[in-house]
Amino acid sequence: MKQTTIKPFEILDEGVLQEINQFTKRVHFKKGEMLFANGELSRYFYVVQTGKIKTYQLNLDNAKEQTIFVFRAGDMFDTITLLDGEPHDVMYEAMEDSVAFEMPIENVRYLIEHNPEFNRKFFPYLAKQMRHMEELVSDISLYSTEERLIKLLLQNLDPTNRMRYNLLHGLSNSEIAKLIGTVRHVVERHLKKLKKEGLLEGKSKTPQMNSAKALLEKIKLF
């Protein structure tokens, strides 16, 4: 196994990488596959190597879906179960054919407790996940769906945004809607409006932005 493919651990020294690889195996998921229905996340921790895996919550009464994270190469989960040992009431789906590294959760907890170098990589990543969750809650509470969509379009172009940079590539309008807590036809209406105003152009799944500054001004972020 090539250690350098585990992106969060790239800067770890050879000894730590060898320790991780002793208990790590590679697992494959098919596009559209519903994942971890048999309690795997109580026993294993995962690091994505390739593909996209989303975690989401679903209201069975109205079928409304909210995507919480889209995990891509280098992302890790489930950090909540890892830290508190409790089941996490979310669902997982492979958005495309994906490969992940599977590690027994007790081994990862041992690394957290005994390996400072592992911690120096793990905890900053955990903090980014927490900030993403905080922003998601704030956006849904404080911004309109149009403003949330504009923010997402801008974040998609921001290389400093670990969770959302280049996230929209290849995503359908339905999946984009689930990222901002709405439905497909609302996203399509907003995109049509932004194109009419000359702020977006193109017919691809990822519209091209004409003016980031104008979009920022539109949601009063200056």
Protein backbone atom coordinates (compact mmCIF):
# COMPACT_ATOMS: atom_id res chain seq x y z
CA MET A 1 0.00 0.00 0.00
CA LYS A 2 1.34 3.43 -0.90
CA GLN A 3 1.34 5.56 2.19
CA THR A 4 1.27 8.83 0.26
CA THR A 5 -2.26 8.12 -0.96
CA ILE A 6 -3.63 8.75 2.55
CA LYS A 7 -3.62 12.50 2.15
CA PRO A 8 -4.30 13.60 5.76
CA PHE A 9 -1.26 11.61 6.84
CA GLU A 10 1.18 12.74 4.15
CA ILE A 11 3.49 14.57 6.56
CA LEU A 12 3.67 11.74 9.11
CA ASP A 13 7.04 10.08 9.45
CA GLU A 14 7.72 6.62 8.07
CA GLY A 15 7.34 4.89 11.43
CA VAL A 16 3.82 6.22 12.02
CA LEU A 17 2.77 5.39 8.45
CA GLN A 18 4.02 1.84 8.90
CA GLU A 19 2.04 1.55 12.13
CA ILE A 20 -1.14 2.75 10.39
CA ASN A 21 -0.65 0.43 7.43
CA GLN A 22 -0.39 -2.62 9.71
CA PHE A 23 -4.12 -2.44 10.46
CA THR A 24 -5.47 -0.70 7.36
CA LYS A 25 -7.25 -2.26 4.39
CA ARG A 26 -8.70 -0.77 1.22
CA VAL A 27 -12.47 -1.08 0.61
CA HIS A 28 -14.49 -0.28 -2.53
CA PHE A 29 -17.96 1.23 -2.85
CA LYS A 30 -20.18 1.40 -5.93
CA LYS A 31 -21.94 4.58 -7.06
CA GLY A 32 -25.38 4.81 -5.45
CA GLU A 33 -24.57 2.23 -2.78
CA MET A 34 -26.05 2.88 0.67
CA LEU A 35 -23.22 2.39 3.16
CA PHE A 36 -22.65 1.23 6.73
CA ALA A 37 -26.14 -0.11 7.41
CA ASN A 38 -24.69 -2.92 9.54
CA GLY A 39 -23.00 -0.82 12.20
CA GLU A 40 -19.58 -0.70 10.54
CA LEU A 41 -18.95 2.82 11.86
CA SER A 42 -18.99 1.56 15.43
CA ARG A 43 -16.06 -0.73 14.55
CA TYR A 44 -14.13 1.08 11.81
CA PHE A 45 -12.83 4.51 10.86
CA TYR A 46 -12.47 5.53 7.21
CA VAL A 47 -10.23 7.76 5.10
CA VAL A 48 -11.35 8.37 1.51
CA GLN A 49 -8.77 7.64 -1.16
CA THR A 50 -10.84 8.35 -4.29
CA GLY A 51 -14.43 9.24 -5.15
CA LYS A 52 -17.18 11.00 -3.22
CA ILE A 53 -19.17 9.73 -0.23
CA LYS A 54 -21.89 11.86 1.29
CA THR A 55 -23.37 11.77 4.76
CA TYR A 56 -26.86 13.16 5.18
CA GLN A 57 -30.02 13.19 7.24
CA LEU A 58 -33.44 12.35 5.85
CA ASN A 59 -36.87 13.32 7.14
CA LEU A 60 -39.00 10.26 6.39
CA ASP A 61 -42.23 12.23 6.80
CA ASN A 62 -41.57 14.69 3.97
CA ALA A 63 -38.57 13.04 2.22
CA LYS A 64 -36.53 16.21 2.70
CA GLU A 65 -32.80 15.53 2.66
CA GLN A 66 -29.93 17.62 4.03
CA THR A 67 -26.39 16.78 2.99
CA ILE A 68 -23.98 17.40 5.87
CA PHE A 69 -20.63 16.49 4.31
CA VAL A 70 -19.36 15.29 0.96
CA PHE A 71 -16.20 13.35 1.76
CA ARG A 72 -13.54 13.32 -0.92
CA ALA A 73 -9.90 12.21 -1.18
CA GLY A 74 -8.22 12.73 2.19
CA ASP A 75 -11.41 13.20 4.21
CA MET A 76 -12.00 11.14 7.36
CA PHE A 77 -15.13 9.80 9.08
CA ASP A 78 -16.90 9.15 11.39
CA THR A 79 -15.07 11.48 13.77
CA ILE A 80 -18.07 11.80 16.13
CA THR A 81 -18.38 8.05 16.74
CA LEU A 82 -14.60 7.82 16.98
CA LEU A 83 -14.51 10.34 19.83
CA ASP A 84 -17.62 9.53 21.86
CA GLY A 85 -18.29 5.89 21.00
CA GLU A 86 -21.98 6.56 20.40
CA PRO A 87 -24.03 5.70 17.26
CA HIS A 88 -24.34 8.62 14.84
CA ASP A 89 -27.82 9.11 13.39
CA VAL A 90 -26.83 9.90 9.81
CA MET A 91 -26.88 8.04 6.50
CA TYR A 92 -24.10 7.46 3.97
CA GLU A 93 -24.14 7.02 0.20
CA ALA A 94 -21.43 6.66 -2.43
CA MET A 95 -22.02 9.48 -4.91
CA GLU A 96 -19.60 7.84 -7.34
CA ASP A 97 -17.41 4.76 -7.37
CA SER A 98 -15.17 5.28 -4.35
CA VAL A 99 -12.27 3.71 -2.48
CA ALA A 100 -11.54 4.22 1.21
CA PHE A 101 -9.05 3.01 3.79
CA GLU A 102 -10.75 1.11 6.62
CA MET A 103 -9.11 1.09 10.05
CA PRO A 104 -10.32 -0.58 13.27
CA ILE A 105 -11.64 2.25 15.41
CA GLU A 106 -9.79 1.10 18.54
CA ASN A 107 -6.47 1.35 16.72
CA VAL A 108 -7.26 4.92 15.71
CA ARG A 109 -8.24 5.78 19.30
CA TYR A 110 -4.91 4.35 20.44
CA LEU A 111 -3.09 6.62 17.99
CA ILE A 112 -5.01 9.64 19.27
CA GLU A 113 -4.07 8.80 22.86
CA HIS A 114 -0.43 7.88 22.31
CA ASN A 115 0.85 9.48 19.11
CA PRO A 116 1.40 13.27 19.19
CA GLU A 117 2.33 13.41 15.51
CA PHE A 118 -0.95 11.75 14.52
CA ASN A 119 -2.79 14.26 16.71
CA ARG A 120 -1.12 17.20 14.99
CA LYS A 121 -2.75 16.09 11.75
CA PHE A 122 -6.04 14.74 13.08
CA PHE A 123 -7.25 17.53 15.35
CA PRO A 124 -6.87 20.45 12.89
CA TYR A 125 -8.90 18.39 10.41
CA LEU A 126 -11.51 17.73 13.10
CA ALA A 127 -11.68 21.48 13.76
CA LYS A 128 -12.37 22.09 10.04
CA GLN A 129 -15.29 19.65 10.20
CA MET A 130 -16.66 21.45 13.26
CA ARG A 131 -16.36 24.85 11.57
CA HIS A 132 -18.15 23.47 8.53
CA MET A 133 -21.01 22.24 10.73
CA GLU A 134 -21.22 25.61 12.49
CA GLU A 135 -21.37 27.43 9.16
CA LEU A 136 -24.02 25.04 7.81
CA VAL A 137 -26.29 25.67 10.80
CA SER A 138 -25.74 29.44 10.61
CA ASP A 139 -26.38 29.60 6.87
CA ILE A 140 -29.66 27.71 7.10
CA SER A 141 -30.79 29.94 9.97
CA LEU A 142 -29.62 33.32 8.69
CA TYR A 143 -29.51 33.29 4.88
CA SER A 144 -32.10 32.83 2.16
CA THR A 145 -31.77 29.92 -0.26
CA GLU A 146 -30.48 32.29 -2.96
CA GLU A 147 -27.82 33.65 -0.61
CA ARG A 148 -26.82 30.13 0.43
CA LEU A 149 -26.48 29.13 -3.21
CA ILE A 150 -24.30 32.16 -3.99
CA LYS A 151 -22.07 31.40 -1.00
CA LEU A 152 -21.72 27.81 -2.18
CA LEU A 153 -20.77 28.95 -5.71
CA LEU A 154 -18.10 31.23 -4.26
CA GLN A 155 -16.76 28.59 -1.86
CA ASN A 156 -16.51 26.17 -4.77
CA LEU A 157 -13.83 28.46 -6.24
CA ASP A 158 -11.98 29.13 -2.98
CA PRO A 159 -8.91 26.83 -2.61
CA THR A 160 -8.67 27.70 1.10
CA ASN A 161 -12.09 26.18 1.75
CA ARG A 162 -11.16 22.56 2.50
CA MET A 163 -14.72 21.24 2.52
CA ARG A 164 -16.15 22.93 -0.57
CA TYR A 165 -13.37 23.79 -3.03
CA ASN A 166 -14.24 22.21 -6.41
CA LEU A 167 -17.09 20.39 -4.68
CA LEU A 168 -19.73 21.13 -7.32
CA HIS A 169 -17.92 19.53 -10.24
CA GLY A 170 -20.29 16.96 -11.74
CA LEU A 171 -23.04 17.43 -9.15
CA SER A 172 -26.65 17.58 -10.31
CA ASN A 173 -28.93 20.42 -9.28
CA SER A 174 -30.69 17.97 -6.98
CA GLU A 175 -27.46 17.27 -5.12
CA ILE A 176 -26.61 20.97 -4.98
CA ALA A 177 -30.04 21.59 -3.46
CA LYS A 178 -29.37 19.04 -0.71
CA LEU A 179 -26.17 20.88 0.20
CA ILE A 180 -28.06 24.08 0.99
CA GLY A 181 -31.24 22.62 2.44
CA THR A 182 -33.69 23.13 -0.42
CA VAL A 183 -35.05 21.31 -3.48
CA ARG A 184 -34.00 21.09 -7.12
CA HIS A 185 -36.56 23.44 -8.65
CA VAL A 186 -35.59 26.20 -6.20
CA VAL A 187 -31.91 25.89 -7.17
CA GLU A 188 -32.82 25.93 -10.85
CA ARG A 189 -34.93 29.06 -10.37
CA HIS A 190 -32.08 30.86 -8.60
CA LEU A 191 -29.53 29.80 -11.24
CA LYS A 192 -31.82 31.05 -14.00
CA LYS A 193 -32.18 34.38 -12.19
CA LEU A 194 -28.42 34.76 -11.68
CA LYS A 195 -27.81 34.02 -15.37
CA LYS A 196 -30.45 36.57 -16.38
CA GLU A 197 -28.67 39.14 -14.20
CA GLY A 198 -25.41 38.35 -16.02
CA LEU A 199 -23.66 36.92 -12.94
CA LEU A 200 -23.44 33.36 -14.28
CA GLU A 201 -23.18 31.82 -17.71
CA GLY A 202 -23.02 28.42 -19.34
CA LYS A 203 -25.23 25.34 -19.47
CA SER A 204 -22.92 22.87 -17.72
CA LYS A 205 -23.61 21.35 -14.31
CA THR A 206 -21.16 23.83 -12.84
CA PRO A 207 -22.10 27.31 -14.15
CA GLN A 208 -19.28 29.72 -14.89
CA MET A 209 -19.12 32.83 -12.73
CA ASN A 210 -18.81 36.17 -14.50
CA SER A 211 -18.07 38.29 -11.44
CA ALA A 212 -17.20 36.96 -7.99
CA LYS A 213 -17.17 40.53 -6.70
CA ALA A 214 -20.71 41.13 -7.91
CA LEU A 215 -21.89 37.93 -6.24
CA LEU A 216 -20.19 38.93 -2.99
CA GLU A 217 -21.89 42.29 -3.12
CA LYS A 218 -25.22 40.60 -3.77
CA ILE A 219 -25.12 38.84 -0.41
CA LYS A 220 -23.48 41.80 1.34
CA LEU A 221 -20.27 39.98 2.28
CA PHE A 222 -18.03 43.00 1.69
